[in-house]
Amino acid sequence: MECAFAVGNFSFRYGAEILSVRRRVFQSRTFPATLKRIILERDSYCCRSCGKHRDQLIAEKSHLEVDHIKAWIDGGQTCYENGETLCRECNIAKHHSKDYLRKMKALS
């Protein structure tokens, strides 16, 4: 049995089960594969920071990642609304800048 599932302007087809991952909050730090795919589709397979598309990143031997907008360590949830697509380089830069700010705050 095949079912359709719509998220925004996107439709996905699944086997016997309709997944409602858009509304669900997951307990794990990592984004489940289905939720990653929905977030990547929502963001048109482009980095939300620099705007590079998946195809350009593959040519540059890089890739896209789905990361928390509000960091998991800071209480951010693993859910559709708190996920964003970033290229590897932008994701690393984001985390380095947050680590730097945390260290500066601890020193003051």
C-alpha atoms as a PDB file:
ATOM      1  CA  MET A   1       0.000   0.000   0.000  1.00  0.00           C
ATOM      2  CA  GLU A   2       1.386   3.384  -0.952  1.00  0.00           C
ATOM      3  CA  CYS A   3       0.443   6.644   0.750  1.00  0.00           C
ATOM      4  CA  ALA A   4       1.152  10.271  -0.002  1.00  0.00           C
ATOM      5  CA  PHE A   5       2.424  12.711   2.609  1.00  0.00           C
ATOM      6  CA  ALA A   6       2.553  16.449   2.017  1.00  0.00           C
ATOM      7  CA  VAL A   7       4.907  18.933   3.672  1.00  0.00           C
ATOM      8  CA  GLY A   8       4.444  22.481   2.483  1.00  0.00           C
ATOM      9  CA  ASN A   9       4.710  22.336  -1.293  1.00  0.00           C
ATOM     10  CA  PHE A  10       6.395  18.932  -1.259  1.00  0.00           C
ATOM     11  CA  SER A  11       4.808  15.475  -1.428  1.00  0.00           C
ATOM     12  CA  PHE A  12       6.500  12.265  -0.419  1.00  0.00           C
ATOM     13  CA  ARG A  13       5.365   8.701  -0.989  1.00  0.00           C
ATOM     14  CA  TYR A  14       5.865   6.072   1.654  1.00  0.00           C
ATOM     15  CA  GLY A  15       4.987   2.417   2.029  1.00  0.00           C
ATOM     16  CA  ALA A  16       2.296   1.375   4.483  1.00  0.00           C
ATOM     17  CA  GLU A  17       2.928   4.112   7.035  1.00  0.00           C
ATOM     18  CA  ILE A  18       2.395   7.862   6.803  1.00  0.00           C
ATOM     19  CA  LEU A  19       5.151   9.590   8.751  1.00  0.00           C
ATOM     20  CA  SER A  20       4.246  12.773  10.581  1.00  0.00           C
ATOM     21  CA  VAL A  21       7.833  13.822  11.206  1.00  0.00           C
ATOM     22  CA  ARG A  22       7.105  17.490  10.599  1.00  0.00           C
ATOM     23  CA  ARG A  23       5.163  17.749  13.853  1.00  0.00           C
ATOM     24  CA  ARG A  24       7.242  15.350  15.892  1.00  0.00           C
ATOM     25  CA  VAL A  25      10.015  16.215  18.362  1.00  0.00           C
ATOM     26  CA  PHE A  26      12.711  13.550  18.486  1.00  0.00           C
ATOM     27  CA  GLN A  27      14.649  12.715  21.645  1.00  0.00           C
ATOM     28  CA  SER A  28      17.939  12.036  19.870  1.00  0.00           C
ATOM     29  CA  ARG A  29      20.497  14.675  18.978  1.00  0.00           C
ATOM     30  CA  THR A  30      20.775  13.431  15.393  1.00  0.00           C
ATOM     31  CA  PHE A  31      18.109  14.106  12.800  1.00  0.00           C
ATOM     32  CA  PRO A  32      16.427  10.911  11.530  1.00  0.00           C
ATOM     33  CA  ALA A  33      16.912  10.221   7.811  1.00  0.00           C
ATOM     34  CA  THR A  34      13.302  11.018   6.878  1.00  0.00           C
ATOM     35  CA  LEU A  35      13.374  14.342   8.708  1.00  0.00           C
ATOM     36  CA  LYS A  36      16.727  15.218   7.100  1.00  0.00           C
ATOM     37  CA  ARG A  37      15.287  14.571   3.657  1.00  0.00           C
ATOM     38  CA  ILE A  38      12.218  16.744   4.345  1.00  0.00           C
ATOM     39  CA  ILE A  39      14.405  19.613   5.612  1.00  0.00           C
ATOM     40  CA  LEU A  40      16.737  19.298   2.606  1.00  0.00           C
ATOM     41  CA  GLU A  41      13.706  19.403   0.284  1.00  0.00           C
ATOM     42  CA  ARG A  42      12.255  22.418   2.145  1.00  0.00           C
ATOM     43  CA  ASP A  43      15.559  24.269   1.757  1.00  0.00           C
ATOM     44  CA  SER A  44      15.810  23.273  -1.940  1.00  0.00           C
ATOM     45  CA  TYR A  45      19.096  21.405  -1.300  1.00  0.00           C
ATOM     46  CA  CYS A  46      20.860  24.743  -0.703  1.00  0.00           C
ATOM     47  CA  CYS A  47      22.931  25.980   2.218  1.00  0.00           C
ATOM     48  CA  ARG A  48      20.867  28.531   4.150  1.00  0.00           C
ATOM     49  CA  SER A  49      24.032  30.470   4.970  1.00  0.00           C
ATOM     50  CA  CYS A  50      26.048  30.780   1.745  1.00  0.00           C
ATOM     51  CA  GLY A  51      23.384  29.637  -0.749  1.00  0.00           C
ATOM     52  CA  LYS A  52      25.460  26.933  -2.444  1.00  0.00           C
ATOM     53  CA  HIS A  53      23.450  24.131  -4.052  1.00  0.00           C
ATOM     54  CA  ARG A  54      24.128  20.440  -3.507  1.00  0.00           C
ATOM     55  CA  ASP A  55      25.469  19.999  -7.052  1.00  0.00           C
ATOM     56  CA  GLN A  56      28.029  22.779  -6.616  1.00  0.00           C
ATOM     57  CA  LEU A  57      29.137  21.329  -3.274  1.00  0.00           C
ATOM     58  CA  ILE A  58      29.578  17.850  -4.766  1.00  0.00           C
ATOM     59  CA  ALA A  59      31.823  19.374  -7.445  1.00  0.00           C
ATOM     60  CA  GLU A  60      33.815  21.025  -4.629  1.00  0.00           C
ATOM     61  CA  LYS A  61      34.008  17.673  -2.785  1.00  0.00           C
ATOM     62  CA  SER A  62      31.798  18.934   0.021  1.00  0.00           C
ATOM     63  CA  HIS A  63      28.250  18.167   1.119  1.00  0.00           C
ATOM     64  CA  LEU A  64      25.127  19.444   2.884  1.00  0.00           C
ATOM     65  CA  GLU A  65      24.290  18.742   6.515  1.00  0.00           C
ATOM     66  CA  VAL A  66      21.145  19.269   8.557  1.00  0.00           C
ATOM     67  CA  ASP A  67      21.867  21.020  11.846  1.00  0.00           C
ATOM     68  CA  HIS A  68      19.953  22.557  14.727  1.00  0.00           C
ATOM     69  CA  ILE A  69      19.176  26.282  14.491  1.00  0.00           C
ATOM     70  CA  LYS A  70      19.109  26.508  18.288  1.00  0.00           C
ATOM     71  CA  ALA A  71      21.879  24.142  19.369  1.00  0.00           C
ATOM     72  CA  TRP A  72      20.857  20.871  20.969  1.00  0.00           C
ATOM     73  CA  ILE A  73      23.310  21.509  23.808  1.00  0.00           C
ATOM     74  CA  ASP A  74      21.495  24.816  24.476  1.00  0.00           C
ATOM     75  CA  GLY A  75      18.094  23.130  24.680  1.00  0.00           C
ATOM     76  CA  GLY A  76      17.221  23.165  20.985  1.00  0.00           C
ATOM     77  CA  GLN A  77      14.900  20.391  19.879  1.00  0.00           C
ATOM     78  CA  THR A  78      15.449  17.888  17.094  1.00  0.00           C
ATOM     79  CA  CYS A  79      12.439  18.832  14.997  1.00  0.00           C
ATOM     80  CA  TYR A  80      11.413  20.257  11.629  1.00  0.00           C
ATOM     81  CA  GLU A  81      11.208  23.873  12.806  1.00  0.00           C
ATOM     82  CA  ASN A  82      14.661  23.760  14.449  1.00  0.00           C
ATOM     83  CA  GLY A  83      16.487  22.165  11.514  1.00  0.00           C
ATOM     84  CA  GLU A  84      18.383  23.965   8.796  1.00  0.00           C
ATOM     85  CA  THR A  85      20.436  22.941   5.787  1.00  0.00           C
ATOM     86  CA  LEU A  86      24.070  24.063   5.879  1.00  0.00           C
ATOM     87  CA  CYS A  87      27.092  23.128   3.825  1.00  0.00           C
ATOM     88  CA  ARG A  88      29.886  21.481   5.774  1.00  0.00           C
ATOM     89  CA  GLU A  89      32.018  24.626   5.794  1.00  0.00           C
ATOM     90  CA  CYS A  90      29.235  26.928   7.037  1.00  0.00           C
ATOM     91  CA  ASN A  91      28.250  24.390   9.708  1.00  0.00           C
ATOM     92  CA  ILE A  92      31.848  24.210  10.987  1.00  0.00           C
ATOM     93  CA  ALA A  93      32.120  28.025  10.978  1.00  0.00           C
ATOM     94  CA  LYS A  94      28.822  28.299  12.855  1.00  0.00           C
ATOM     95  CA  HIS A  95      30.013  25.960  15.588  1.00  0.00           C
ATOM     96  CA  HIS A  96      33.441  27.606  15.870  1.00  0.00           C
ATOM     97  CA  SER A  97      31.843  31.037  16.295  1.00  0.00           C
ATOM     98  CA  LYS A  98      29.441  29.727  18.959  1.00  0.00           C
ATOM     99  CA  ASP A  99      32.326  28.067  20.828  1.00  0.00           C
ATOM    100  CA  TYR A 100      34.282  31.330  20.686  1.00  0.00           C
ATOM    101  CA  LEU A 101      31.332  33.313  22.062  1.00  0.00           C
ATOM    102  CA  ARG A 102      30.866  30.787  24.890  1.00  0.00           C
ATOM    103  CA  LYS A 103      34.555  31.088  25.842  1.00  0.00           C
ATOM    104  CA  MET A 104      34.420  34.891  25.774  1.00  0.00           C
ATOM    105  CA  LYS A 105      31.292  34.890  27.946  1.00  0.00           C
ATOM    106  CA  ALA A 106      33.000  32.566  30.455  1.00  0.00           C
ATOM    107  CA  LEU A 107      36.017  34.915  30.655  1.00  0.00           C
ATOM    108  CA  SER A 108      33.933  38.005  31.384  1.00  0.00           C
END
